[in-house]
Amino acid sequence: MSTHQLAQTDNLQVFSNLISNKLNNGFVLEERNDELFFAVLSKGGKVIDHSFNFVIFIFTLGLWSIAWLYLTLEYSKPKKILVAIDEDGIPFEEKCFVA
């Protein structure tokens, strides 16, 4: 085997490990390309229990509203990421913006 083929198989192994780690963390594979070493994964937003947060809001006299707003805006959105290996063989992960 040539050096290029060894690097190609090593990159594929690292790429597959990256994807399997994300799948174990609850992401869903939407698209995968083993020739260009990229994959798009997504994870649905978490459901916020607004009735529970309202009770905390009442007990803290409104101070919980900051945390409640943050939870609502940040955790309820679905997430998409791009996992890839660049031409130098360095793996990277990039957040994609979901509308």
C-alpha atoms as a PDB file:
ATOM      1  CA  MET A   1       0.000   0.000   0.000  1.00  0.00           C
ATOM      2  CA  SER A   2       1.210   3.457  -0.710  1.00  0.00           C
ATOM      3  CA  THR A   3       1.473   6.212   1.876  1.00  0.00           C
ATOM      4  CA  HIS A   4      -1.526   8.005   0.376  1.00  0.00           C
ATOM      5  CA  GLN A   5      -3.726   4.938   0.769  1.00  0.00           C
ATOM      6  CA  LEU A   6      -2.607   4.489   4.390  1.00  0.00           C
ATOM      7  CA  ALA A   7      -3.428   8.116   5.141  1.00  0.00           C
ATOM      8  CA  GLN A   8      -6.792   7.662   3.410  1.00  0.00           C
ATOM      9  CA  THR A   9      -7.701   4.662   5.582  1.00  0.00           C
ATOM     10  CA  ASP A  10      -6.482   6.419   8.751  1.00  0.00           C
ATOM     11  CA  ASN A  11      -8.611   9.458   7.887  1.00  0.00           C
ATOM     12  CA  LEU A  12     -11.616   7.209   7.276  1.00  0.00           C
ATOM     13  CA  GLN A  13     -11.113   5.548  10.667  1.00  0.00           C
ATOM     14  CA  VAL A  14     -10.846   8.908  12.478  1.00  0.00           C
ATOM     15  CA  PHE A  15     -13.867  10.188  10.543  1.00  0.00           C
ATOM     16  CA  SER A  16     -15.944   7.126  11.453  1.00  0.00           C
ATOM     17  CA  ASN A  17     -14.966   7.484  15.129  1.00  0.00           C
ATOM     18  CA  LEU A  18     -16.022  11.149  15.149  1.00  0.00           C
ATOM     19  CA  ILE A  19     -19.400  10.276  13.694  1.00  0.00           C
ATOM     20  CA  SER A  20     -19.997   7.357  16.058  1.00  0.00           C
ATOM     21  CA  ASN A  21     -19.195   9.583  19.061  1.00  0.00           C
ATOM     22  CA  LYS A  22     -21.766  12.124  17.887  1.00  0.00           C
ATOM     23  CA  LEU A  23     -24.346   9.401  17.265  1.00  0.00           C
ATOM     24  CA  ASN A  24     -23.792   8.136  20.818  1.00  0.00           C
ATOM     25  CA  ASN A  25     -24.497  11.694  22.060  1.00  0.00           C
ATOM     26  CA  GLY A  26     -27.958  11.698  20.481  1.00  0.00           C
ATOM     27  CA  PHE A  27     -27.297  13.196  17.046  1.00  0.00           C
ATOM     28  CA  VAL A  28     -28.925  11.770  13.898  1.00  0.00           C
ATOM     29  CA  LEU A  29     -26.925  11.286  10.712  1.00  0.00           C
ATOM     30  CA  GLU A  30     -28.497  13.209   7.826  1.00  0.00           C
ATOM     31  CA  GLU A  31     -25.781  12.968   5.200  1.00  0.00           C
ATOM     32  CA  ARG A  32     -22.390  11.257   4.959  1.00  0.00           C
ATOM     33  CA  ASN A  33     -19.706  11.304   2.267  1.00  0.00           C
ATOM     34  CA  ASP A  34     -16.768   8.924   2.719  1.00  0.00           C
ATOM     35  CA  GLU A  35     -14.864  10.255  -0.296  1.00  0.00           C
ATOM     36  CA  LEU A  36     -14.741  13.895   0.825  1.00  0.00           C
ATOM     37  CA  PHE A  37     -14.900  13.018   4.549  1.00  0.00           C
ATOM     38  CA  PHE A  38     -17.837  15.112   5.673  1.00  0.00           C
ATOM     39  CA  ALA A  39     -21.100  14.395   7.446  1.00  0.00           C
ATOM     40  CA  VAL A  40     -24.081  16.484   8.512  1.00  0.00           C
ATOM     41  CA  LEU A  41     -25.687  15.538  11.814  1.00  0.00           C
ATOM     42  CA  SER A  42     -28.699  17.007  13.584  1.00  0.00           C
ATOM     43  CA  LYS A  43     -30.209  16.912  17.038  1.00  0.00           C
ATOM     44  CA  GLY A  44     -33.726  17.998  17.893  1.00  0.00           C
ATOM     45  CA  GLY A  45     -34.351  20.690  20.447  1.00  0.00           C
ATOM     46  CA  LYS A  46     -35.151  19.841  24.045  1.00  0.00           C
ATOM     47  CA  VAL A  47     -38.664  20.267  25.377  1.00  0.00           C
ATOM     48  CA  ILE A  48     -38.894  22.981  28.020  1.00  0.00           C
ATOM     49  CA  ASP A  49     -41.313  22.387  30.903  1.00  0.00           C
ATOM     50  CA  HIS A  50     -42.856  25.843  31.076  1.00  0.00           C
ATOM     51  CA  SER A  51     -45.201  25.026  33.963  1.00  0.00           C
ATOM     52  CA  PHE A  52     -42.277  23.988  36.169  1.00  0.00           C
ATOM     53  CA  ASN A  53     -40.322  27.074  35.143  1.00  0.00           C
ATOM     54  CA  PHE A  54     -43.327  29.244  35.971  1.00  0.00           C
ATOM     55  CA  VAL A  55     -43.418  27.818  39.493  1.00  0.00           C
ATOM     56  CA  ILE A  56     -39.715  28.616  39.936  1.00  0.00           C
ATOM     57  CA  PHE A  57     -40.399  32.072  38.495  1.00  0.00           C
ATOM     58  CA  ILE A  58     -43.064  32.684  41.161  1.00  0.00           C
ATOM     59  CA  PHE A  59     -40.897  31.408  44.056  1.00  0.00           C
ATOM     60  CA  THR A  60     -37.904  33.553  43.013  1.00  0.00           C
ATOM     61  CA  LEU A  61     -40.087  36.645  42.505  1.00  0.00           C
ATOM     62  CA  GLY A  62     -39.243  36.876  38.829  1.00  0.00           C
ATOM     63  CA  LEU A  63     -35.473  36.355  39.014  1.00  0.00           C
ATOM     64  CA  TRP A  64     -35.799  33.001  37.269  1.00  0.00           C
ATOM     65  CA  SER A  65     -37.115  34.766  34.145  1.00  0.00           C
ATOM     66  CA  ILE A  66     -33.553  35.334  32.873  1.00  0.00           C
ATOM     67  CA  ALA A  67     -32.668  31.650  33.091  1.00  0.00           C
ATOM     68  CA  TRP A  68     -36.084  30.645  31.743  1.00  0.00           C
ATOM     69  CA  LEU A  69     -35.661  32.899  28.721  1.00  0.00           C
ATOM     70  CA  TYR A  70     -32.169  31.516  28.089  1.00  0.00           C
ATOM     71  CA  LEU A  71     -33.427  27.925  28.320  1.00  0.00           C
ATOM     72  CA  THR A  72     -36.305  28.674  25.979  1.00  0.00           C
ATOM     73  CA  LEU A  73     -34.185  30.378  23.344  1.00  0.00           C
ATOM     74  CA  GLU A  74     -31.063  28.217  23.488  1.00  0.00           C
ATOM     75  CA  TYR A  75     -32.128  24.661  24.302  1.00  0.00           C
ATOM     76  CA  SER A  76     -35.402  24.424  22.444  1.00  0.00           C
ATOM     77  CA  LYS A  77     -33.775  25.058  19.027  1.00  0.00           C
ATOM     78  CA  PRO A  78     -32.687  22.084  16.917  1.00  0.00           C
ATOM     79  CA  LYS A  79     -28.942  21.835  16.317  1.00  0.00           C
ATOM     80  CA  LYS A  80     -27.050  20.907  13.152  1.00  0.00           C
ATOM     81  CA  ILE A  81     -23.321  20.280  12.888  1.00  0.00           C
ATOM     82  CA  LEU A  82     -20.879  19.512  10.113  1.00  0.00           C
ATOM     83  CA  VAL A  83     -18.167  16.991  10.982  1.00  0.00           C
ATOM     84  CA  ALA A  84     -15.361  16.788   8.462  1.00  0.00           C
ATOM     85  CA  ILE A  85     -11.669  16.175   7.876  1.00  0.00           C
ATOM     86  CA  ASP A  86      -9.828  18.845   5.922  1.00  0.00           C
ATOM     87  CA  GLU A  87      -7.218  18.270   3.225  1.00  0.00           C
ATOM     88  CA  ASP A  88      -4.425  18.203   5.836  1.00  0.00           C
ATOM     89  CA  GLY A  89      -6.099  15.345   7.701  1.00  0.00           C
ATOM     90  CA  ILE A  90      -7.239  17.481  10.631  1.00  0.00           C
ATOM     91  CA  PRO A  91     -10.747  16.709  11.910  1.00  0.00           C
ATOM     92  CA  PHE A  92     -13.043  19.632  12.674  1.00  0.00           C
ATOM     93  CA  GLU A  93     -16.612  20.301  13.725  1.00  0.00           C
ATOM     94  CA  GLU A  94     -18.648  23.321  12.678  1.00  0.00           C
ATOM     95  CA  LYS A  95     -22.081  24.459  13.792  1.00  0.00           C
ATOM     96  CA  CYS A  96     -24.610  25.025  11.049  1.00  0.00           C
ATOM     97  CA  PHE A  97     -27.286  27.635  11.425  1.00  0.00           C
ATOM     98  CA  VAL A  98     -30.834  26.317  11.433  1.00  0.00           C
ATOM     99  CA  ALA A  99     -33.581  28.701  10.387  1.00  0.00           C
END
